[in-house]
Amino acid sequence: MFIKELQMPFSAQKTAPAVTFRSGDIVLYRDPEMFWTGKPAHTFVCKVTYAWMSGTCDLRALASGRVISHAQPDYMRLLPPLDAMRDIDTASLHVDGAADAMTAAAMAWLAQQHATANAEPQLPAPRD
């Protein structure tokens, strides 16, 4: 009786698509050393301050201001504006209680747009 071995490739497969990060991108970063040593607060939102030709990036944590030099892209995920603005884009404004499902930021943005759109146009004060 012959046992056929299953041939499975022994190569790590990436779960995230390859992304080229640019300066100004907002990303979610997981500090690998903190993560693998079980330390808390290992994942946080950052802004890309510089994208190196090697593919690494310099980051600045938005909440703390912490600077991360040459962060590996395998530990970064792009946070697209579409996701941040989804509650505004998908909110139904014609249903009772629709505003209850929106975030405070979405409500503030809508209030600002309403105030701007419904204000009388103002001319600059005349110069003497």
Protein backbone atom coordinates (compact mmCIF):
# COMPACT_ATOMS: atom_id res chain seq x y z
CA MET A 1 0.00 0.00 0.00
CA PHE A 2 1.39 3.32 -1.05
CA ILE A 3 0.53 6.50 0.72
CA LYS A 4 0.52 9.50 -1.48
CA GLU A 5 1.88 12.56 0.23
CA LEU A 6 -0.01 15.74 -0.10
CA GLN A 7 2.19 18.27 -1.70
CA MET A 8 1.50 21.64 -0.22
CA PRO A 9 3.64 24.65 -0.96
CA PHE A 10 5.51 25.81 2.09
CA SER A 11 5.47 29.48 1.27
CA ALA A 12 3.80 32.18 3.26
CA GLN A 13 0.79 33.57 1.53
CA LYS A 14 -0.09 37.21 1.93
CA THR A 15 -3.63 37.87 3.06
CA ALA A 16 -3.62 41.54 2.12
CA PRO A 17 -3.25 42.84 -1.40
CA ALA A 18 -0.05 44.63 -2.28
CA VAL A 19 -0.53 48.35 -1.68
CA THR A 20 1.82 51.17 -2.48
CA PHE A 21 1.61 53.67 0.33
CA ARG A 22 2.05 57.40 -0.30
CA SER A 23 2.78 60.36 1.94
CA GLY A 24 -0.45 61.55 3.51
CA ASP A 25 -2.17 58.14 3.53
CA ILE A 26 -3.97 57.18 6.73
CA VAL A 27 -3.10 53.62 7.77
CA LEU A 28 -3.69 51.16 10.56
CA TYR A 29 -0.31 50.01 11.88
CA ARG A 30 0.44 47.04 14.12
CA ASP A 31 3.75 47.24 15.94
CA PRO A 32 5.09 43.68 15.45
CA GLU A 33 7.37 43.67 18.51
CA MET A 34 4.60 44.87 20.81
CA PHE A 35 2.12 42.43 19.25
CA TRP A 36 4.33 39.32 19.49
CA THR A 37 5.40 40.12 23.05
CA GLY A 38 1.78 40.53 24.15
CA LYS A 39 1.98 44.19 25.03
CA PRO A 40 -1.21 46.26 24.91
CA ALA A 41 -1.94 49.11 22.47
CA HIS A 42 0.04 47.48 19.67
CA THR A 43 -2.31 48.62 16.87
CA PHE A 44 -3.05 52.26 16.10
CA VAL A 45 -3.91 54.73 13.35
CA CYS A 46 -1.02 56.56 11.69
CA LYS A 47 -0.34 58.99 8.88
CA VAL A 48 2.37 58.16 6.35
CA THR A 49 4.92 60.98 6.52
CA TYR A 50 7.37 59.52 4.00
CA ALA A 51 7.27 56.53 1.66
CA TRP A 52 10.71 55.08 0.91
CA MET A 53 11.65 53.50 -2.44
CA SER A 54 12.36 50.26 -0.54
CA GLY A 55 8.65 50.04 0.29
CA THR A 56 8.97 50.94 3.96
CA CYS A 57 7.33 54.06 5.36
CA ASP A 58 7.87 56.59 8.08
CA LEU A 59 4.71 57.01 10.14
CA ARG A 60 3.33 59.36 12.78
CA ALA A 61 0.70 58.00 15.18
CA LEU A 62 -2.29 60.33 15.06
CA ALA A 63 -3.29 60.02 18.73
CA SER A 64 0.12 60.07 20.42
CA GLY A 65 2.43 61.71 17.87
CA ARG A 66 4.79 58.72 18.12
CA VAL A 67 7.14 58.43 15.13
CA ILE A 68 7.78 55.03 13.53
CA SER A 69 10.70 54.89 11.10
CA HIS A 70 10.86 52.41 8.22
CA ALA A 71 7.62 50.58 9.08
CA GLN A 72 7.20 47.38 7.10
CA PRO A 73 4.16 47.48 4.77
CA ASP A 74 3.17 43.95 5.89
CA TYR A 75 2.10 45.51 9.20
CA MET A 76 0.12 48.36 7.64
CA ARG A 77 -3.38 48.50 6.18
CA LEU A 78 -4.70 51.45 4.22
CA LEU A 79 -7.73 53.13 5.78
CA PRO A 80 -9.62 54.44 2.76
CA PRO A 81 -11.68 57.64 2.98
CA LEU A 82 -14.66 55.72 1.61
CA ASP A 83 -14.86 53.73 4.84
CA ALA A 84 -14.53 56.84 7.00
CA MET A 85 -17.33 58.60 5.12
CA ARG A 86 -19.64 55.61 4.61
CA ASP A 87 -22.10 56.65 7.32
CA ILE A 88 -22.64 59.99 5.59
CA ASP A 89 -22.89 58.45 2.14
CA THR A 90 -25.37 55.74 3.14
CA ALA A 91 -27.49 57.55 5.73
CA SER A 92 -31.14 57.87 4.91
CA LEU A 93 -32.23 61.42 5.64
CA HIS A 94 -35.92 60.74 4.97
CA VAL A 95 -36.58 58.27 7.78
CA ASP A 96 -37.45 59.13 11.37
CA GLY A 97 -34.47 58.43 13.60
CA ALA A 98 -31.96 58.28 10.74
CA ALA A 99 -29.79 60.82 12.51
CA ASP A 100 -29.55 58.52 15.54
CA ALA A 101 -27.54 56.01 13.48
CA MET A 102 -24.99 58.60 12.31
CA THR A 103 -21.76 59.41 14.10
CA ALA A 104 -21.22 62.79 15.72
CA ALA A 105 -18.68 63.65 13.01
CA ALA A 106 -21.21 62.91 10.27
CA MET A 107 -23.82 65.09 11.98
CA ALA A 108 -21.32 67.94 12.40
CA TRP A 109 -20.37 67.73 8.73
CA LEU A 110 -24.01 67.80 7.62
CA ALA A 111 -24.79 70.71 9.94
CA GLN A 112 -21.85 72.66 8.50
CA GLN A 113 -22.98 71.92 4.94
CA HIS A 114 -26.54 72.98 5.77
CA ALA A 115 -25.38 76.25 7.35
CA THR A 116 -23.11 77.03 4.41
CA ALA A 117 -25.66 76.12 1.74
CA ASN A 118 -28.50 78.14 3.33
CA ALA A 119 -26.56 81.26 4.32
CA GLU A 120 -26.95 84.55 2.49
CA PRO A 121 -23.91 85.32 0.38
CA GLN A 122 -21.76 87.89 2.08
CA LEU A 123 -19.81 90.54 0.25
CA PRO A 124 -16.57 91.79 1.73
CA ALA A 125 -16.76 95.02 3.67
CA PRO A 126 -16.03 98.08 1.52
CA ARG A 127 -12.55 99.52 1.83
CA ASP A 128 -12.15 103.13 2.82
